[in-house]
């Protein structure tokens, strides 16, 4: 019986490397994922029946990392005195603080602001899907 040569074994080892070690997240992907997580968690907090009445007085928290006003929005949310003893809000504030730190220091050079429209963060335009003519 013949043993396989070094080339097939080497090819098998190299083929398995990308699946074993996926690429680490980039600064941009980390900021985007964290901003989406914060926005989703805030929407869930607002939509559920809040156990604390202070939740309805929190500043709106729709985050778009491409809008320069997002930094001010994060600062305002973290500094808001409402709900300072509510665990869900504390968790959101910790995530917002983390995102602010990532955006303002670690990933500052990777970030490109496409907008400077603070109203867009207060009243986001809903994303709508338009079906092609042949599917209507």
Protein backbone atom coordinates (compact mmCIF):
# COMPACT_ATOMS: atom_id res chain seq x y z
CA UNK A 1 0.00 0.00 0.00
CA UNK A 2 1.30 3.38 -0.95
CA UNK A 3 1.33 6.34 1.47
CA UNK A 4 0.17 9.71 0.19
CA UNK A 5 2.92 12.14 -0.77
CA UNK A 6 3.49 15.45 0.98
CA UNK A 7 1.57 17.48 -1.61
CA UNK A 8 -1.93 16.03 -1.00
CA UNK A 9 -1.46 16.27 2.78
CA UNK A 10 -0.30 19.87 2.45
CA UNK A 11 -3.29 20.74 0.26
CA UNK A 12 -5.70 19.24 2.79
CA UNK A 13 -4.11 21.21 5.62
CA UNK A 14 -4.23 24.46 3.68
CA UNK A 15 -7.85 23.90 2.62
CA UNK A 16 -8.91 23.62 6.27
CA UNK A 17 -7.16 26.76 7.53
CA UNK A 18 -9.71 29.39 6.39
CA UNK A 19 -12.61 27.51 7.94
CA UNK A 20 -10.75 27.05 11.22
CA UNK A 21 -9.63 30.69 11.60
CA UNK A 22 -12.15 33.18 10.22
CA UNK A 23 -10.98 36.72 9.69
CA UNK A 24 -11.25 38.91 12.77
CA UNK A 25 -13.88 41.63 12.68
CA UNK A 26 -12.73 44.96 11.31
CA UNK A 27 -13.31 48.22 13.14
CA UNK A 28 -16.09 49.06 10.71
CA UNK A 29 -17.87 45.72 11.07
CA UNK A 30 -17.63 45.92 14.86
CA UNK A 31 -19.07 49.46 14.93
CA UNK A 32 -21.85 48.54 12.53
CA UNK A 33 -22.81 45.37 14.42
CA UNK A 34 -22.77 47.13 17.80
CA UNK A 35 -24.84 50.08 16.53
CA UNK A 36 -27.43 47.70 15.08
CA UNK A 37 -27.52 45.72 18.33
CA UNK A 38 -28.04 48.89 20.39
CA UNK A 39 -30.78 50.17 18.06
CA UNK A 40 -32.56 46.80 18.14
CA UNK A 41 -32.31 46.50 21.94
CA UNK A 42 -33.63 50.04 22.39
CA UNK A 43 -36.58 49.36 20.08
CA UNK A 44 -37.38 46.18 22.03
CA UNK A 45 -37.20 48.11 25.29
CA UNK A 46 -39.55 50.79 23.94
CA UNK A 47 -42.02 48.32 22.40
CA UNK A 48 -42.36 46.08 25.44
CA UNK A 49 -44.56 47.28 28.26
CA UNK A 50 -41.97 49.12 30.33
CA UNK A 51 -41.92 48.22 33.99
CA UNK A 52 -40.41 51.63 34.67
CA UNK A 53 -42.23 54.74 33.44
CA UNK A 54 -38.89 56.51 32.91
CA UNK A 55 -38.20 54.40 29.81
CA UNK A 56 -40.60 56.46 27.71
CA UNK A 57 -38.62 59.63 28.54
CA UNK A 58 -35.27 58.33 27.34
CA UNK A 59 -33.76 60.08 24.29
CA UNK A 60 -34.51 58.29 21.02
CA UNK A 61 -31.77 55.89 20.07
CA UNK A 62 -31.64 55.23 16.35
CA UNK A 63 -27.98 54.95 15.37
CA UNK A 64 -26.44 55.45 11.96
CA UNK A 65 -22.65 55.29 12.18
CA UNK A 66 -22.38 57.21 8.90
CA UNK A 67 -24.05 60.28 10.41
CA UNK A 68 -21.73 62.66 12.27
CA UNK A 69 -24.49 63.46 14.79
CA UNK A 70 -24.33 59.88 16.10
CA UNK A 71 -21.47 60.87 18.42
CA UNK A 72 -23.59 63.56 20.05
CA UNK A 73 -26.55 61.16 20.20
CA UNK A 74 -24.43 58.57 22.04
CA UNK A 75 -23.11 61.18 24.50
CA UNK A 76 -26.64 62.42 25.22
CA UNK A 77 -27.98 58.92 25.78
CA UNK A 78 -25.17 57.89 28.12
CA UNK A 79 -25.47 61.14 30.10
CA UNK A 80 -29.27 61.06 30.40
CA UNK A 81 -30.31 60.85 34.06
CA UNK A 82 -33.49 58.83 33.35
CA UNK A 83 -33.64 55.22 34.48
CA UNK A 84 -30.31 55.15 36.21
CA UNK A 85 -31.33 52.10 38.25
CA UNK A 86 -32.97 50.04 35.46
CA UNK A 87 -30.79 47.08 34.46
CA UNK A 88 -31.83 47.02 30.78
CA UNK A 89 -31.12 50.73 30.41
CA UNK A 90 -27.79 50.40 32.21
CA UNK A 91 -26.84 47.65 29.78
CA UNK A 92 -27.80 49.85 26.82
CA UNK A 93 -25.80 52.74 28.24
CA UNK A 94 -22.76 50.49 28.65
CA UNK A 95 -23.05 49.39 25.01
CA UNK A 96 -23.50 53.01 23.88
CA UNK A 97 -20.43 54.04 25.89
CA UNK A 98 -18.46 51.21 24.32
CA UNK A 99 -19.55 52.21 20.81
CA UNK A 100 -18.66 55.85 21.47
CA UNK A 101 -15.19 54.83 22.66
CA UNK A 102 -14.65 52.59 19.64
CA UNK A 103 -15.79 55.31 17.23
CA UNK A 104 -13.93 58.16 18.90
CA UNK A 105 -10.59 56.50 19.55
CA UNK A 106 -9.87 52.98 18.30
CA UNK A 107 -11.53 53.22 14.89
CA UNK A 108 -11.46 56.96 14.27
CA UNK A 109 -9.47 56.63 11.03
CA UNK A 110 -11.71 53.90 9.63
CA UNK A 111 -14.87 55.94 9.95
CA UNK A 112 -16.33 58.01 7.12
CA UNK A 113 -19.29 60.25 7.87
CA UNK A 114 -21.62 60.60 4.91
CA UNK A 115 -24.26 62.73 6.67
CA UNK A 116 -24.41 65.57 9.15
CA UNK A 117 -28.18 65.50 9.67
CA UNK A 118 -29.26 65.24 13.30
CA UNK A 119 -32.95 65.09 12.34
CA UNK A 120 -32.30 61.84 10.49
CA UNK A 121 -31.40 60.26 13.84
CA UNK A 122 -34.58 61.54 15.46
CA UNK A 123 -36.96 60.51 12.70
CA UNK A 124 -35.35 57.78 10.59
CA UNK A 125 -36.71 57.12 7.15
CA UNK A 126 -38.20 53.60 7.16
CA UNK A 127 -36.69 51.22 4.66
CA UNK A 128 -39.29 50.00 2.20
CA UNK A 129 -38.97 47.23 -0.30
CA UNK A 130 -40.43 47.82 -3.73
CA UNK A 131 -41.28 44.69 -5.67
CA UNK A 132 -40.26 44.55 -9.33
CA UNK A 133 -43.14 44.94 -11.83
CA UNK A 134 -43.19 41.25 -12.70
CA UNK A 135 -43.85 40.23 -9.04
CA UNK A 136 -46.84 42.52 -8.40
